[in-house]
Amino acid sequence: MTHRVCILAAVLIAMFPVCPAQTSSHKKAQAPKPQPTVPELFQYVRGALLSYSPNDGINDNVEVTINSTATILTITAPGGHCDVSLSALDSNTLVWDVFDPSDPVQARERLVRLTAVSVPGKSARTCYNKQGAVDTTMIANRARLLFSLAMTDSVPKFQDNIAKAFRQLIVLSGGAPQNDLF
């Protein structure tokens, strides 16, 4: 009789699946996603600056380049260009705001802009007019990226994604790293 019980137990065990907790096979942990490189971050930011550029003839992002050391981001607009010193920026200071560039003569589309502030004692940007002379009317301790509000409103998580990419680009280019203050 004991022999029959053992055979019946063996048959029952073979018929029912083994509990996953009892198996010895382990799933391999997924490798962490690799961090984006400076060229990848630059291409992402550049693509957004050009794709979602304001189209008012003044604030347009005509071209965006980065120097070979990945520390100067140059944004060309119809009136000249600004050299943004990525290594002088503080990645903790990124702020979004909506800006209306209209003046009493001409109404323009509203813009959304990302502002970063430089670390103390460094210049965030230097802007030049069409002739290549330094534009002294631009505040040097702030760097600003301009986008069309109408175009970016329909893009999910646009501000979050651009801020994250720009923050990482700042840090990888030698700017002040992000600190979790609170």
Protein backbone atom coordinates (compact mmCIF):
# COMPACT_ATOMS: atom_id res chain seq x y z
CA MET A 1 0.00 0.00 0.00
CA THR A 2 2.82 2.37 0.76
CA HIS A 3 4.20 1.76 -2.67
CA ARG A 4 0.85 2.81 -4.24
CA VAL A 5 0.77 6.00 -2.14
CA CYS A 6 4.25 6.93 -3.34
CA ILE A 7 3.27 6.34 -6.98
CA LEU A 8 0.06 8.38 -6.55
CA ALA A 9 2.00 11.22 -4.90
CA ALA A 10 4.52 11.19 -7.76
CA VAL A 11 1.71 11.32 -10.34
CA LEU A 12 -0.01 14.23 -8.52
CA ILE A 13 3.23 16.17 -8.33
CA ALA A 14 3.86 15.62 -12.04
CA MET A 15 0.30 16.76 -12.94
CA PHE A 16 0.36 20.08 -11.04
CA PRO A 17 2.73 22.89 -11.93
CA VAL A 18 5.46 23.70 -9.47
CA CYS A 19 4.99 26.88 -7.47
CA PRO A 20 7.21 29.67 -8.88
CA ALA A 21 8.61 30.29 -5.41
CA GLN A 22 9.98 26.75 -5.37
CA THR A 23 11.86 27.02 -8.65
CA SER A 24 15.55 27.68 -8.59
CA SER A 25 15.70 29.67 -11.84
CA HIS A 26 16.26 33.37 -11.26
CA LYS A 27 15.51 36.16 -13.67
CA LYS A 28 18.54 38.18 -14.58
CA ALA A 29 18.38 41.76 -13.41
CA GLN A 30 18.09 44.17 -16.30
CA ALA A 31 21.16 46.21 -16.96
CA PRO A 32 20.69 49.86 -16.02
CA LYS A 33 19.87 52.16 -18.91
CA PRO A 34 23.08 53.87 -20.03
CA GLN A 35 23.30 57.59 -19.35
CA PRO A 36 23.08 59.79 -22.45
CA THR A 37 26.30 61.27 -23.76
CA VAL A 38 27.02 64.96 -24.39
CA PRO A 39 26.50 64.57 -28.16
CA GLU A 40 23.16 62.80 -27.58
CA LEU A 41 21.98 65.46 -25.12
CA PHE A 42 23.11 68.24 -27.46
CA GLN A 43 21.26 66.70 -30.40
CA TYR A 44 18.10 66.39 -28.29
CA VAL A 45 18.24 70.00 -27.08
CA ARG A 46 19.22 71.27 -30.54
CA GLY A 47 16.35 69.37 -32.16
CA ALA A 48 13.85 70.85 -29.74
CA LEU A 49 15.23 74.40 -30.13
CA LEU A 50 14.92 74.17 -33.91
CA SER A 51 11.67 72.17 -34.12
CA TYR A 52 9.75 74.27 -31.61
CA SER A 53 11.34 77.60 -32.46
CA PRO A 54 9.31 80.78 -32.26
CA ASN A 55 8.52 82.07 -35.72
CA ASP A 56 8.30 85.81 -35.23
CA GLY A 57 11.38 86.98 -37.10
CA ILE A 58 13.11 88.14 -33.91
CA ASN A 59 13.22 85.28 -31.41
CA ASP A 60 13.65 82.46 -33.95
CA ASN A 61 16.25 79.80 -33.27
CA VAL A 62 17.92 79.79 -36.69
CA GLU A 63 20.82 77.49 -35.80
CA VAL A 64 22.25 75.83 -32.69
CA THR A 65 25.83 74.55 -32.42
CA ILE A 66 28.21 73.40 -29.70
CA ASN A 67 31.98 73.86 -29.66
CA SER A 68 34.41 70.93 -29.74
CA THR A 69 34.96 70.99 -25.98
CA ALA A 70 31.18 70.91 -25.37
CA THR A 71 31.25 73.98 -23.16
CA ILE A 72 29.79 76.71 -25.42
CA LEU A 73 26.31 76.36 -26.89
CA THR A 74 25.77 78.92 -29.65
CA ILE A 75 22.19 79.89 -30.51
CA THR A 76 21.82 81.98 -33.66
CA ALA A 77 18.75 84.18 -34.14
CA PRO A 78 17.91 86.70 -36.88
CA GLY A 79 19.50 89.58 -34.94
CA GLY A 80 22.77 87.85 -34.04
CA HIS A 81 23.81 85.03 -31.74
CA CYS A 82 24.41 84.19 -28.09
CA ASP A 83 27.18 81.99 -26.76
CA VAL A 84 25.90 80.13 -23.70
CA SER A 85 28.69 79.03 -21.35
CA LEU A 86 27.43 75.62 -20.21
CA SER A 87 30.32 75.22 -17.77
CA ALA A 88 29.33 78.47 -16.04
CA LEU A 89 25.70 77.47 -15.42
CA ASP A 90 24.19 76.17 -12.19
CA SER A 91 21.94 73.20 -12.96
CA ASN A 92 19.93 73.91 -9.78
CA THR A 93 18.55 77.18 -11.14
CA LEU A 94 16.43 76.05 -14.10
CA VAL A 95 13.12 77.90 -14.25
CA TRP A 96 10.33 77.90 -16.86
CA ASP A 97 8.16 80.91 -17.57
CA VAL A 98 5.79 82.17 -20.25
CA PHE A 99 6.95 85.33 -21.98
CA ASP A 100 5.03 87.69 -24.25
CA PRO A 101 7.53 89.43 -26.57
CA SER A 102 4.88 91.73 -28.04
CA ASP A 103 5.60 95.43 -28.14
CA PRO A 104 3.31 98.44 -28.74
CA VAL A 105 3.89 98.19 -32.49
CA GLN A 106 3.62 94.44 -33.14
CA ALA A 107 1.86 91.55 -31.44
CA ARG A 108 3.92 88.35 -31.30
CA GLU A 109 3.21 84.79 -30.23
CA ARG A 110 3.83 83.94 -26.59
CA LEU A 111 6.99 82.04 -25.80
CA VAL A 112 7.95 79.57 -23.16
CA ARG A 113 11.52 80.01 -22.00
CA LEU A 114 13.89 78.02 -19.87
CA THR A 115 16.23 80.20 -17.83
CA ALA A 116 19.43 79.04 -16.15
CA VAL A 117 21.55 81.27 -13.91
CA SER A 118 25.34 81.26 -13.82
CA VAL A 119 27.39 80.36 -10.79
CA PRO A 120 28.66 83.44 -8.92
CA GLY A 121 31.47 85.26 -10.70
CA LYS A 122 30.91 83.68 -14.12
CA SER A 123 29.03 84.87 -17.19
CA ALA A 124 26.21 82.65 -18.42
CA ARG A 125 26.15 84.09 -21.93
CA THR A 126 27.62 86.63 -24.26
CA CYS A 127 25.39 87.92 -27.05
CA TYR A 128 26.49 89.49 -30.31
CA ASN A 129 24.60 91.55 -32.90
CA LYS A 130 24.67 90.82 -36.66
CA GLN A 131 27.93 92.71 -37.04
CA GLY A 132 29.62 90.64 -34.33
CA ALA A 133 29.74 93.37 -31.68
CA VAL A 134 28.90 92.41 -28.10
CA ASP A 135 25.32 93.31 -27.18
CA THR A 136 25.66 94.96 -23.76
CA THR A 137 21.87 95.16 -23.28
CA MET A 138 21.66 91.41 -22.59
CA ILE A 139 21.95 90.32 -18.97
CA ALA A 140 25.06 88.15 -18.75
CA ASN A 141 24.24 86.08 -15.65
CA ARG A 142 21.25 84.33 -17.30
CA ALA A 143 21.03 81.97 -20.24
CA ARG A 144 17.65 81.48 -21.91
CA LEU A 145 16.29 78.89 -24.30
CA LEU A 146 13.20 80.07 -26.22
CA PHE A 147 10.40 77.89 -27.56
CA SER A 148 7.02 78.57 -29.12
CA LEU A 149 4.31 78.13 -26.48
CA ALA A 150 1.71 77.20 -29.12
CA MET A 151 3.91 74.39 -30.47
CA THR A 152 5.09 72.97 -27.15
CA ASP A 153 1.70 72.91 -25.45
CA SER A 154 0.73 69.77 -27.35
CA VAL A 155 3.94 67.87 -26.56
CA PRO A 156 3.58 65.65 -23.46
CA LYS A 157 6.19 66.33 -20.74
CA PHE A 158 8.01 68.80 -23.00
CA GLN A 159 9.22 71.05 -20.19
CA ASP A 160 10.23 68.14 -17.95
CA ASN A 161 12.19 66.39 -20.72
CA ILE A 162 13.99 69.51 -21.97
CA ALA A 163 14.87 70.60 -18.42
CA LYS A 164 16.25 67.14 -17.63
CA ALA A 165 18.32 67.02 -20.84
CA PHE A 166 19.62 70.59 -20.40
CA ARG A 167 20.47 69.94 -16.74
CA GLN A 168 22.47 66.83 -17.69
CA LEU A 169 24.18 68.73 -20.52
CA ILE A 170 25.21 71.46 -18.07
CA VAL A 171 26.66 68.95 -15.61
CA LEU A 172 28.50 66.91 -18.25
CA SER A 173 29.93 70.14 -19.71
CA GLY A 174 31.44 71.17 -16.37
CA GLY A 175 28.61 73.23 -14.88
CA ALA A 176 27.47 73.05 -11.26
CA PRO A 177 25.84 69.67 -10.48
CA GLN A 178 22.33 69.33 -9.21
CA ASN A 179 21.91 69.32 -5.44
CA ASP A 180 18.81 68.05 -3.72
CA LEU A 181 18.32 70.92 -1.29
CA PHE A 182 14.97 69.85 0.11
